[in-house]
Amino acid sequence: MTQKQTIRGKSKEKVNPEQVADKIKKIAKDIRKASSTTRETVKKFHDSGAIHDIGQAVQEAAVAGRDTAKEIRDTAKEIRDSRVAADTASAVEQTAKIAAETIDVAEDTAKQVPRAAPRTASTVRKGTVRKATRAAKRTSKQVERKVKKTSGKAKDESMKLGIKAKRQLSKQKRAAARSIHMRSRK
């Protein structure tokens, strides 16, 4: 017969020693069974070579990751040391400046012609603008070809500078045309 007994405010049924012994035997049996199953599982893993294969796979992945990181680092150092990006950006900037100077010279030339020969001013103006446009396009195409040969960030920067040079060229051409047109009216 069982009696209720309280331990720390919780009610517990009183059990007899035979029930406790049976529960302990059952727990021991479960432990033996789990131990046996674990032993068999580990033996099967070991016999199949799965543990060794997993270890090798992890090692190979680690080595591949390390080698890839080294290659990326070496490539980045080569690009940095070769100064390709900086040289390309500098060349594009210089090209834009030279194109702007060419436009200035063409504009000055076009301004001189109406004074010397008023009838040919229109023809010269058109020819000068055409030549400047062609020169700018050739320069722009050369820059684009060179830029395509460079890498990502330098390429983006070069393209931006090329676009900026084209805009500046367009503004100067419009200003030159307006200036020539205004002087020929006078």
N, C-alpha and C. Protein backbone atom coordinates (compact mmCIF):
# COMPACT_ATOMS: atom_id res chain seq x y z
N MET A 1 0.82 -1.16 0.00
CA MET A 1 0.00 0.00 0.00
C MET A 1 0.88 1.24 0.00
N THR A 2 0.42 2.24 -0.73
CA THR A 2 1.23 3.45 -0.85
C THR A 2 0.59 4.58 -0.07
N GLN A 3 1.43 5.37 0.50
CA GLN A 3 0.98 6.54 1.23
C GLN A 3 1.58 7.77 0.57
N LYS A 4 0.87 8.88 0.63
CA LYS A 4 1.38 10.11 0.04
C LYS A 4 2.26 10.81 1.05
N GLN A 5 3.39 11.30 0.53
CA GLN A 5 4.34 11.98 1.37
C GLN A 5 4.75 13.26 0.64
N THR A 6 4.94 14.37 1.32
CA THR A 6 5.31 15.62 0.65
C THR A 6 6.78 15.90 0.86
N ILE A 7 7.41 16.28 -0.25
CA ILE A 7 8.82 16.68 -0.20
C ILE A 7 8.88 18.06 -0.83
N ARG A 8 9.30 19.02 -0.08
CA ARG A 8 9.41 20.42 -0.54
C ARG A 8 8.10 20.90 -1.14
N GLY A 9 7.05 20.56 -0.59
CA GLY A 9 5.75 21.04 -1.02
C GLY A 9 5.15 20.24 -2.16
N LYS A 10 5.85 19.24 -2.69
CA LYS A 10 5.32 18.44 -3.78
C LYS A 10 4.87 17.11 -3.21
N SER A 11 3.78 16.62 -3.76
CA SER A 11 3.30 15.34 -3.24
C SER A 11 3.98 14.21 -4.00
N LYS A 12 4.41 13.20 -3.28
CA LYS A 12 5.05 12.02 -3.86
C LYS A 12 4.39 10.80 -3.26
N GLU A 13 4.26 9.82 -4.13
CA GLU A 13 3.72 8.56 -3.61
C GLU A 13 4.85 7.75 -3.05
N LYS A 14 4.60 7.07 -2.02
CA LYS A 14 5.62 6.23 -1.41
C LYS A 14 5.66 4.92 -2.18
N VAL A 15 6.87 4.52 -2.60
CA VAL A 15 7.02 3.29 -3.35
C VAL A 15 7.78 2.28 -2.51
N ASN A 16 7.53 1.03 -2.81
CA ASN A 16 8.22 0.01 -2.02
C ASN A 16 9.55 -0.35 -2.66
N PRO A 17 10.44 -0.99 -1.99
CA PRO A 17 11.79 -1.30 -2.48
C PRO A 17 11.79 -2.22 -3.70
N GLU A 18 10.81 -3.09 -3.82
CA GLU A 18 10.77 -3.99 -4.98
C GLU A 18 10.53 -3.20 -6.27
N GLN A 19 9.66 -2.20 -6.22
CA GLN A 19 9.39 -1.37 -7.40
C GLN A 19 10.65 -0.57 -7.78
N VAL A 20 11.36 -0.05 -6.80
CA VAL A 20 12.58 0.70 -7.05
C VAL A 20 13.60 -0.21 -7.73
N ALA A 21 13.75 -1.43 -7.23
CA ALA A 21 14.70 -2.38 -7.80
C ALA A 21 14.32 -2.72 -9.24
N ASP A 22 13.04 -2.90 -9.53
CA ASP A 22 12.59 -3.20 -10.89
C ASP A 22 12.90 -2.03 -11.83
N LYS A 23 12.66 -0.80 -11.37
CA LYS A 23 12.94 0.39 -12.19
C LYS A 23 14.44 0.50 -12.47
N ILE A 24 15.25 0.24 -11.50
CA ILE A 24 16.72 0.32 -11.68
C ILE A 24 17.17 -0.75 -12.67
N LYS A 25 16.58 -1.96 -12.57
CA LYS A 25 16.92 -3.03 -13.52
C LYS A 25 16.53 -2.62 -14.94
N LYS A 26 15.37 -2.01 -15.09
CA LYS A 26 14.91 -1.57 -16.41
C LYS A 26 15.84 -0.49 -16.98
N ILE A 27 16.26 0.44 -16.13
CA ILE A 27 17.19 1.50 -16.56
C ILE A 27 18.52 0.89 -16.98
N ALA A 28 19.02 -0.08 -16.20
CA ALA A 28 20.28 -0.75 -16.53
C ALA A 28 20.17 -1.48 -17.87
N LYS A 29 19.03 -2.15 -18.07
CA LYS A 29 18.79 -2.85 -19.33
C LYS A 29 18.78 -1.86 -20.50
N ASP A 30 18.12 -0.71 -20.35
CA ASP A 30 18.07 0.32 -21.39
C ASP A 30 19.47 0.87 -21.68
N ILE A 31 20.27 1.05 -20.65
CA ILE A 31 21.64 1.55 -20.82
C ILE A 31 22.46 0.53 -21.60
N ARG A 32 22.33 -0.77 -21.24
CA ARG A 32 23.06 -1.81 -21.96
C ARG A 32 22.65 -1.83 -23.44
N LYS A 33 21.35 -1.72 -23.68
CA LYS A 33 20.83 -1.74 -25.05
C LYS A 33 21.35 -0.54 -25.85
N ALA A 34 21.31 0.65 -25.28
CA ALA A 34 21.80 1.85 -25.94
C ALA A 34 23.30 1.75 -26.18
N SER A 35 24.03 1.23 -25.21
CA SER A 35 25.47 1.07 -25.33
C SER A 35 25.80 0.11 -26.46
N SER A 36 25.06 -0.99 -26.53
CA SER A 36 25.28 -1.98 -27.58
C SER A 36 24.98 -1.38 -28.96
N THR A 37 23.89 -0.66 -29.06
CA THR A 37 23.53 -0.02 -30.33
C THR A 37 24.58 1.00 -30.74
N THR A 38 25.06 1.78 -29.80
CA THR A 38 26.10 2.77 -30.08
C THR A 38 27.38 2.09 -30.53
N ARG A 39 27.75 1.02 -29.83
CA ARG A 39 28.96 0.27 -30.19
C ARG A 39 28.84 -0.27 -31.62
N GLU A 40 27.69 -0.83 -31.97
CA GLU A 40 27.48 -1.37 -33.32
C GLU A 40 27.51 -0.27 -34.37
N THR A 41 26.91 0.86 -34.06
CA THR A 41 26.90 1.99 -35.00
C THR A 41 28.31 2.50 -35.26
N VAL A 42 29.09 2.69 -34.19
CA VAL A 42 30.46 3.17 -34.33
C VAL A 42 31.28 2.17 -35.13
N LYS A 43 31.08 0.87 -34.85
CA LYS A 43 31.81 -0.17 -35.57
C LYS A 43 31.47 -0.12 -37.07
N LYS A 44 30.17 0.05 -37.39
CA LYS A 44 29.76 0.12 -38.80
C LYS A 44 30.35 1.37 -39.47
N PHE A 45 30.35 2.50 -38.78
CA PHE A 45 30.97 3.70 -39.33
C PHE A 45 32.44 3.46 -39.61
N HIS A 46 33.12 2.85 -38.63
CA HIS A 46 34.55 2.59 -38.77
C HIS A 46 34.82 1.62 -39.91
N ASP A 47 34.05 0.54 -39.97
CA ASP A 47 34.25 -0.48 -41.01
C ASP A 47 33.95 0.08 -42.41
N SER A 48 32.97 0.95 -42.51
CA SER A 48 32.59 1.48 -43.82
C SER A 48 33.59 2.53 -44.31
N GLY A 49 34.37 3.10 -43.44
CA GLY A 49 35.33 4.14 -43.82
C GLY A 49 34.69 5.51 -43.93
N ALA A 50 33.46 5.65 -43.51
CA ALA A 50 32.74 6.92 -43.63
C ALA A 50 33.41 8.02 -42.81
N ILE A 51 33.85 7.70 -41.62
CA ILE A 51 34.48 8.72 -40.76
C ILE A 51 35.77 9.21 -41.42
N HIS A 52 36.55 8.27 -41.95
CA HIS A 52 37.80 8.64 -42.63
C HIS A 52 37.50 9.50 -43.86
N ASP A 53 36.48 9.11 -44.64
CA ASP A 53 36.10 9.86 -45.83
C ASP A 53 35.65 11.27 -45.49
N ILE A 54 34.87 11.41 -44.43
CA ILE A 54 34.42 12.75 -44.01
C ILE A 54 35.61 13.59 -43.59
N GLY A 55 36.52 13.00 -42.87
CA GLY A 55 37.72 13.72 -42.45
C GLY A 55 38.54 14.20 -43.64
N GLN A 56 38.71 13.31 -44.62
CA GLN A 56 39.46 13.70 -45.81
C GLN A 56 38.74 14.79 -46.59
N ALA A 57 37.43 14.68 -46.71
CA ALA A 57 36.66 15.68 -47.45
C ALA A 57 36.79 17.05 -46.78
N VAL A 58 36.71 17.09 -45.47
CA VAL A 58 36.84 18.36 -44.74
C VAL A 58 38.24 18.93 -44.94
N GLN A 59 39.25 18.06 -44.88
CA GLN A 59 40.62 18.51 -45.08
C GLN A 59 40.80 19.08 -46.49
N GLU A 60 40.30 18.37 -47.51
CA GLU A 60 40.42 18.84 -48.89
C GLU A 60 39.71 20.18 -49.08
N ALA A 61 38.54 20.33 -48.48
CA ALA A 61 37.80 21.59 -48.60
C ALA A 61 38.59 22.72 -47.95
N ALA A 62 39.19 22.45 -46.81
CA ALA A 62 39.98 23.48 -46.13
C ALA A 62 41.20 23.88 -46.96
N VAL A 63 41.87 22.90 -47.55
CA VAL A 63 43.05 23.19 -48.37
C VAL A 63 42.64 23.98 -49.61
N ALA A 64 41.53 23.59 -50.25
CA ALA A 64 41.05 24.31 -51.43
C ALA A 64 40.69 25.75 -51.08
N GLY A 65 40.04 25.95 -49.95
CA GLY A 65 39.71 27.31 -49.51
C GLY A 65 40.95 28.14 -49.27
N ARG A 66 41.94 27.54 -48.63
CA ARG A 66 43.20 28.24 -48.37
C ARG A 66 43.89 28.62 -49.68
N ASP A 67 43.96 27.67 -50.63
CA ASP A 67 44.62 27.94 -51.90
C ASP A 67 43.89 29.03 -52.70
N THR A 68 42.58 29.00 -52.67
CA THR A 68 41.79 30.02 -53.38
C THR A 68 42.05 31.40 -52.77
N ALA A 69 42.07 31.47 -51.47
CA ALA A 69 42.33 32.75 -50.79
C ALA A 69 43.72 33.27 -51.16
N LYS A 70 44.71 32.38 -51.24
CA LYS A 70 46.06 32.80 -51.62
C LYS A 70 46.08 33.34 -53.05
N GLU A 71 45.38 32.65 -53.96
CA GLU A 71 45.34 33.10 -55.36
C GLU A 71 44.70 34.48 -55.46
N ILE A 72 43.61 34.68 -54.75
CA ILE A 72 42.93 35.98 -54.77
C ILE A 72 43.85 37.06 -54.22
N ARG A 73 44.52 36.75 -53.12
CA ARG A 73 45.45 37.73 -52.52
C ARG A 73 46.57 38.08 -53.49
N ASP A 74 47.17 37.05 -54.14
CA ASP A 74 48.27 37.29 -55.07
C ASP A 74 47.82 38.12 -56.27
N THR A 75 46.63 37.82 -56.80
CA THR A 75 46.11 38.57 -57.94
C THR A 75 45.86 40.03 -57.55
N ALA A 76 45.29 40.24 -56.38
CA ALA A 76 45.04 41.60 -55.92
C ALA A 76 46.35 42.37 -55.76
N LYS A 77 47.39 41.71 -55.24
CA LYS A 77 48.69 42.37 -55.10
C LYS A 77 49.28 42.73 -56.46
N GLU A 78 49.14 41.81 -57.43
CA GLU A 78 49.66 42.08 -58.77
C GLU A 78 48.99 43.30 -59.38
N ILE A 79 47.67 43.37 -59.24
CA ILE A 79 46.93 44.51 -59.79
C ILE A 79 47.36 45.79 -59.10
N ARG A 80 47.49 45.73 -57.78
CA ARG A 80 47.90 46.92 -57.03
C ARG A 80 49.31 47.36 -57.44
N ASP A 81 50.23 46.41 -57.54
CA ASP A 81 51.62 46.74 -57.85
C ASP A 81 51.81 47.18 -59.30
N SER A 82 50.98 46.72 -60.20
CA SER A 82 51.13 47.08 -61.61
C SER A 82 50.61 48.48 -61.89
N ARG A 83 49.83 49.03 -61.01
CA ARG A 83 49.27 50.38 -61.13
C ARG A 83 48.46 50.55 -62.41
N VAL A 84 47.86 49.47 -62.91
CA VAL A 84 47.06 49.52 -64.12
C VAL A 84 45.89 50.47 -63.95
N ALA A 85 45.20 50.36 -62.84
CA ALA A 85 44.02 51.19 -62.62
C ALA A 85 44.38 52.68 -62.58
N ALA A 86 45.41 53.01 -61.84
CA ALA A 86 45.80 54.41 -61.70
C ALA A 86 46.31 54.96 -63.04
N ASP A 87 47.11 54.17 -63.74
CA ASP A 87 47.63 54.63 -65.03
C ASP A 87 46.51 54.84 -66.04
N THR A 88 45.55 53.95 -66.05
CA THR A 88 44.43 54.07 -66.99
C THR A 88 43.62 55.33 -66.69
N ALA A 89 43.32 55.55 -65.44
CA ALA A 89 42.55 56.74 -65.06
C ALA A 89 43.32 58.01 -65.43
N SER A 90 44.62 57.99 -65.20
CA SER A 90 45.45 59.15 -65.53
C SER A 90 45.45 59.41 -67.04
N ALA A 91 45.56 58.34 -67.83
CA ALA A 91 45.57 58.48 -69.29
C ALA A 91 44.24 59.04 -69.79
N VAL A 92 43.15 58.57 -69.23
CA VAL A 92 41.84 59.07 -69.64
C VAL A 92 41.70 60.55 -69.29
N GLU A 93 42.16 60.92 -68.11
CA GLU A 93 42.07 62.32 -67.69
C GLU A 93 42.92 63.22 -68.60
N GLN A 94 44.12 62.76 -68.93
CA GLN A 94 44.98 63.54 -69.83
C GLN A 94 44.35 63.65 -71.22
N THR A 95 43.74 62.57 -71.69
CA THR A 95 43.08 62.59 -73.00
C THR A 95 41.96 63.62 -73.00
N ALA A 96 41.19 63.68 -71.93
CA ALA A 96 40.10 64.65 -71.85
C ALA A 96 40.64 66.08 -71.87
N LYS A 97 41.73 66.32 -71.17
CA LYS A 97 42.33 67.66 -71.15
C LYS A 97 42.83 68.05 -72.54
N ILE A 98 43.48 67.10 -73.22
CA ILE A 98 44.01 67.38 -74.55
C ILE A 98 42.87 67.66 -75.52
N ALA A 99 41.78 66.89 -75.41
CA ALA A 99 40.62 67.13 -76.28
C ALA A 99 40.05 68.52 -76.03
N ALA A 100 40.01 68.93 -74.77
CA ALA A 100 39.50 70.27 -74.45
C ALA A 100 40.40 71.35 -75.05
N GLU A 101 41.72 71.16 -74.96
CA GLU A 101 42.66 72.12 -75.54
C GLU A 101 42.48 72.18 -77.07
N THR A 102 42.26 71.01 -77.68
CA THR A 102 42.05 70.97 -79.13
C THR A 102 40.82 71.77 -79.51
N ILE A 103 39.77 71.65 -78.74
CA ILE A 103 38.55 72.40 -79.00
C ILE A 103 38.82 73.90 -78.88
N ASP A 104 39.59 74.28 -77.86
CA ASP A 104 39.92 75.71 -77.69
C ASP A 104 40.67 76.25 -78.90
N VAL A 105 41.64 75.47 -79.38
CA VAL A 105 42.43 75.90 -80.54
C VAL A 105 41.52 76.01 -81.76
N ALA A 106 40.64 75.01 -81.95
CA ALA A 106 39.72 75.04 -83.09
C ALA A 106 38.79 76.24 -82.99
N GLU A 107 38.35 76.54 -81.79
CA GLU A 107 37.46 77.69 -81.59
C GLU A 107 38.18 78.99 -81.93
N ASP A 108 39.43 79.13 -81.47
CA ASP A 108 40.20 80.34 -81.78
C ASP A 108 40.41 80.49 -83.29
N THR A 109 40.69 79.36 -83.93
CA THR A 109 40.88 79.38 -85.39
C THR A 109 39.60 79.82 -86.08
N ALA A 110 38.49 79.25 -85.64
CA ALA A 110 37.20 79.58 -86.24
C ALA A 110 36.86 81.06 -86.03
N LYS A 111 37.29 81.65 -84.94
CA LYS A 111 37.02 83.07 -84.68
C LYS A 111 37.84 83.98 -85.59
N GLN A 112 39.02 83.53 -85.99
CA GLN A 112 39.88 84.34 -86.84
C GLN A 112 39.41 84.38 -88.29
N VAL A 113 38.80 83.31 -88.74
CA VAL A 113 38.41 83.20 -90.15
C VAL A 113 37.39 84.25 -90.57
N PRO A 114 36.31 84.53 -89.82
CA PRO A 114 35.34 85.51 -90.30
C PRO A 114 35.94 86.89 -90.56
N ARG A 115 36.93 87.25 -89.78
CA ARG A 115 37.56 88.56 -89.97
C ARG A 115 38.36 88.59 -91.28
N ALA A 116 39.03 87.49 -91.55
CA ALA A 116 39.89 87.45 -92.73
C ALA A 116 39.09 87.23 -94.01
N ALA A 117 38.12 86.35 -93.97
CA ALA A 117 37.34 86.04 -95.17
C ALA A 117 35.90 85.79 -94.75
N PRO A 118 35.07 86.81 -94.69
CA PRO A 118 33.70 86.65 -94.19
C PRO A 118 32.87 85.64 -94.95
N ARG A 119 33.10 85.49 -96.27
CA ARG A 119 32.26 84.57 -97.06
C ARG A 119 32.53 83.12 -96.71
N THR A 120 33.74 82.81 -96.36
CA THR A 120 34.10 81.41 -96.08
C THR A 120 33.92 81.04 -94.61
N ALA A 121 33.48 81.98 -93.80
CA ALA A 121 33.36 81.73 -92.36
C ALA A 121 32.44 80.56 -92.06
N SER A 122 31.33 80.52 -92.74
CA SER A 122 30.37 79.44 -92.50
C SER A 122 30.96 78.09 -92.85
N THR A 123 31.65 78.01 -93.98
CA THR A 123 32.25 76.75 -94.43
C THR A 123 33.33 76.30 -93.45
N VAL A 124 34.17 77.22 -93.05
CA VAL A 124 35.26 76.89 -92.11
C VAL A 124 34.68 76.43 -90.78
N ARG A 125 33.65 77.14 -90.32
CA ARG A 125 33.05 76.79 -89.03
C ARG A 125 32.54 75.35 -89.07
N LYS A 126 31.82 75.01 -90.14
CA LYS A 126 31.29 73.66 -90.26
C LYS A 126 32.41 72.63 -90.32
N GLY A 127 33.46 72.94 -91.10
CA GLY A 127 34.59 72.01 -91.21
C GLY A 127 35.33 71.85 -89.90
N THR A 128 35.53 72.94 -89.18
CA THR A 128 36.22 72.88 -87.90
C THR A 128 35.44 72.05 -86.89
N VAL A 129 34.15 72.29 -86.83
CA VAL A 129 33.31 71.54 -85.90
C VAL A 129 33.33 70.06 -86.27
N ARG A 130 33.26 69.74 -87.58
CA ARG A 130 33.28 68.35 -88.03
C ARG A 130 34.60 67.68 -87.64
N LYS A 131 35.70 68.38 -87.89
CA LYS A 131 37.01 67.80 -87.56
C LYS A 131 37.16 67.59 -86.05
N ALA A 132 36.71 68.56 -85.29
CA ALA A 132 36.79 68.42 -83.84
C ALA A 132 35.94 67.26 -83.37
N THR A 133 34.76 67.12 -83.98
CA THR A 133 33.87 66.02 -83.61
C THR A 133 34.51 64.68 -83.94
N ARG A 134 35.07 64.58 -85.15
CA ARG A 134 35.72 63.32 -85.54
C ARG A 134 36.90 63.00 -84.63
N ALA A 135 37.70 64.00 -84.33
CA ALA A 135 38.85 63.78 -83.45
C ALA A 135 38.38 63.33 -82.07
N ALA A 136 37.35 63.96 -81.58
CA ALA A 136 36.82 63.59 -80.26
C ALA A 136 36.29 62.16 -80.29
N LYS A 137 35.58 61.81 -81.36
CA LYS A 137 35.05 60.44 -81.45
C LYS A 137 36.17 59.43 -81.52
N ARG A 138 37.20 59.71 -82.33
CA ARG A 138 38.34 58.78 -82.41
C ARG A 138 39.00 58.62 -81.05
N THR A 139 39.23 59.73 -80.40
CA THR A 139 39.85 59.68 -79.08
C THR A 139 38.97 58.91 -78.11
N SER A 140 37.69 59.18 -78.17
CA SER A 140 36.76 58.49 -77.28
C SER A 140 36.76 56.99 -77.54
N LYS A 141 36.79 56.59 -78.81
CA LYS A 141 36.81 55.16 -79.13
C LYS A 141 38.10 54.50 -78.68
N GLN A 142 39.23 55.21 -78.85
CA GLN A 142 40.49 54.66 -78.38
C GLN A 142 40.46 54.47 -76.87
N VAL A 143 39.92 55.45 -76.19
CA VAL A 143 39.82 55.37 -74.73
C VAL A 143 38.93 54.19 -74.35
N GLU A 144 37.81 54.03 -75.05
CA GLU A 144 36.91 52.92 -74.74
C GLU A 144 37.61 51.58 -74.94
N ARG A 145 38.38 51.44 -76.03
CA ARG A 145 39.10 50.18 -76.26
C ARG A 145 40.09 49.90 -75.14
N LYS A 146 40.82 50.92 -74.73
CA LYS A 146 41.80 50.74 -73.66
C LYS A 146 41.11 50.42 -72.35
N VAL A 147 39.99 51.07 -72.12
CA VAL A 147 39.26 50.85 -70.87
C VAL A 147 38.73 49.43 -70.80
N LYS A 148 38.29 48.88 -71.94
CA LYS A 148 37.76 47.53 -71.95
C LYS A 148 38.81 46.50 -71.55
N LYS A 149 40.08 46.85 -71.74
CA LYS A 149 41.15 45.92 -71.40
C LYS A 149 41.49 45.96 -69.91
N THR A 150 40.99 46.92 -69.20
CA THR A 150 41.33 47.04 -67.77
C THR A 150 40.31 46.32 -66.91
N SER A 151 40.55 46.31 -65.60
CA SER A 151 39.66 45.59 -64.69
C SER A 151 38.56 46.48 -64.15
N GLY A 152 37.64 45.87 -63.40
CA GLY A 152 36.39 46.45 -62.92
C GLY A 152 36.40 47.88 -62.44
N LYS A 153 37.04 48.18 -61.34
CA LYS A 153 36.93 49.50 -60.73
C LYS A 153 37.57 50.56 -61.62
N ALA A 154 38.74 50.26 -62.18
CA ALA A 154 39.40 51.21 -63.06
C ALA A 154 38.55 51.44 -64.29
N LYS A 155 37.91 50.38 -64.77
CA LYS A 155 37.06 50.50 -65.96
C LYS A 155 35.90 51.44 -65.68
N ASP A 156 35.25 51.27 -64.54
CA ASP A 156 34.13 52.14 -64.19
C ASP A 156 34.57 53.59 -64.09
N GLU A 157 35.71 53.82 -63.44
CA GLU A 157 36.21 55.18 -63.28
C GLU A 157 36.57 55.78 -64.64
N SER A 158 37.18 54.98 -65.49
CA SER A 158 37.56 55.45 -66.82
C SER A 158 36.34 55.82 -67.64
N MET A 159 35.32 54.99 -67.55
CA MET A 159 34.10 55.29 -68.31
C MET A 159 33.49 56.60 -67.83
N LYS A 160 33.49 56.81 -66.53
CA LYS A 160 32.95 58.06 -65.99
C LYS A 160 33.74 59.26 -66.51
N LEU A 161 35.07 59.12 -66.54
CA LEU A 161 35.90 60.22 -67.04
C LEU A 161 35.67 60.44 -68.53
N GLY A 162 35.49 59.34 -69.28
CA GLY A 162 35.21 59.45 -70.71
C GLY A 162 33.91 60.18 -70.96
N ILE A 163 32.89 59.85 -70.19
CA ILE A 163 31.58 60.51 -70.33
C ILE A 163 31.72 61.98 -69.98
N LYS A 164 32.48 62.25 -68.94
CA LYS A 164 32.69 63.64 -68.52
C LYS A 164 33.40 64.42 -69.63
N ALA A 165 34.39 63.76 -70.27
CA ALA A 165 35.11 64.42 -71.36
C ALA A 165 34.18 64.70 -72.54
N LYS A 166 33.30 63.74 -72.85
CA LYS A 166 32.34 63.94 -73.94
C LYS A 166 31.41 65.10 -73.64
N ARG A 167 30.92 65.17 -72.41
CA ARG A 167 30.02 66.27 -72.03
C ARG A 167 30.74 67.61 -72.16
N GLN A 168 31.97 67.63 -71.67
CA GLN A 168 32.74 68.87 -71.72
C GLN A 168 32.98 69.27 -73.18
N LEU A 169 33.28 68.30 -74.02
CA LEU A 169 33.50 68.54 -75.44
C LEU A 169 32.23 69.10 -76.09
N SER A 170 31.09 68.50 -75.77
CA SER A 170 29.82 68.97 -76.33
C SER A 170 29.54 70.41 -75.92
N LYS A 171 29.77 70.72 -74.65
CA LYS A 171 29.54 72.09 -74.17
C LYS A 171 30.44 73.08 -74.90
N GLN A 172 31.70 72.70 -75.08
CA GLN A 172 32.64 73.59 -75.74
C GLN A 172 32.28 73.76 -77.22
N LYS A 173 31.82 72.69 -77.87
CA LYS A 173 31.42 72.81 -79.28
C LYS A 173 30.23 73.75 -79.41
N ARG A 174 29.26 73.59 -78.51
CA ARG A 174 28.10 74.48 -78.57
C ARG A 174 28.52 75.93 -78.34
N ALA A 175 29.41 76.13 -77.38
CA ALA A 175 29.88 77.49 -77.09
C ALA A 175 30.63 78.07 -78.29
N ALA A 176 31.45 77.24 -78.93
CA ALA A 176 32.20 77.70 -80.10
C ALA A 176 31.25 78.05 -81.24
N ALA A 177 30.26 77.19 -81.46
CA ALA A 177 29.31 77.45 -82.54
C ALA A 177 28.53 78.73 -82.27
N ARG A 178 28.09 78.92 -81.02
CA ARG A 178 27.35 80.14 -80.67
C ARG A 178 28.23 81.38 -80.86
N SER A 179 29.47 81.27 -80.43
CA SER A 179 30.39 82.40 -80.53
C SER A 179 30.64 82.77 -81.99
N ILE A 180 30.87 81.77 -82.81
CA ILE A 180 31.11 82.02 -84.24
C ILE A 180 29.87 82.60 -84.89
N HIS A 181 28.73 82.04 -84.53
CA HIS A 181 27.47 82.51 -85.10
C HIS A 181 27.22 83.97 -84.73
N MET A 182 27.49 84.32 -83.49
CA MET A 182 27.27 85.70 -83.02
C MET A 182 28.22 86.66 -83.72
N ARG A 183 29.46 86.26 -83.89
CA ARG A 183 30.44 87.16 -84.54
C ARG A 183 30.14 87.32 -86.03
N SER A 184 29.65 86.27 -86.66
CA SER A 184 29.36 86.38 -88.09
C SER A 184 28.13 87.27 -88.32
N ARG A 185 27.26 87.42 -87.36
CA ARG A 185 26.09 88.30 -87.47
C ARG A 185 26.49 89.76 -87.42
N LYS A 186 27.58 90.06 -86.72
CA LYS A 186 28.00 91.46 -86.52
C LYS A 186 28.51 92.05 -87.75
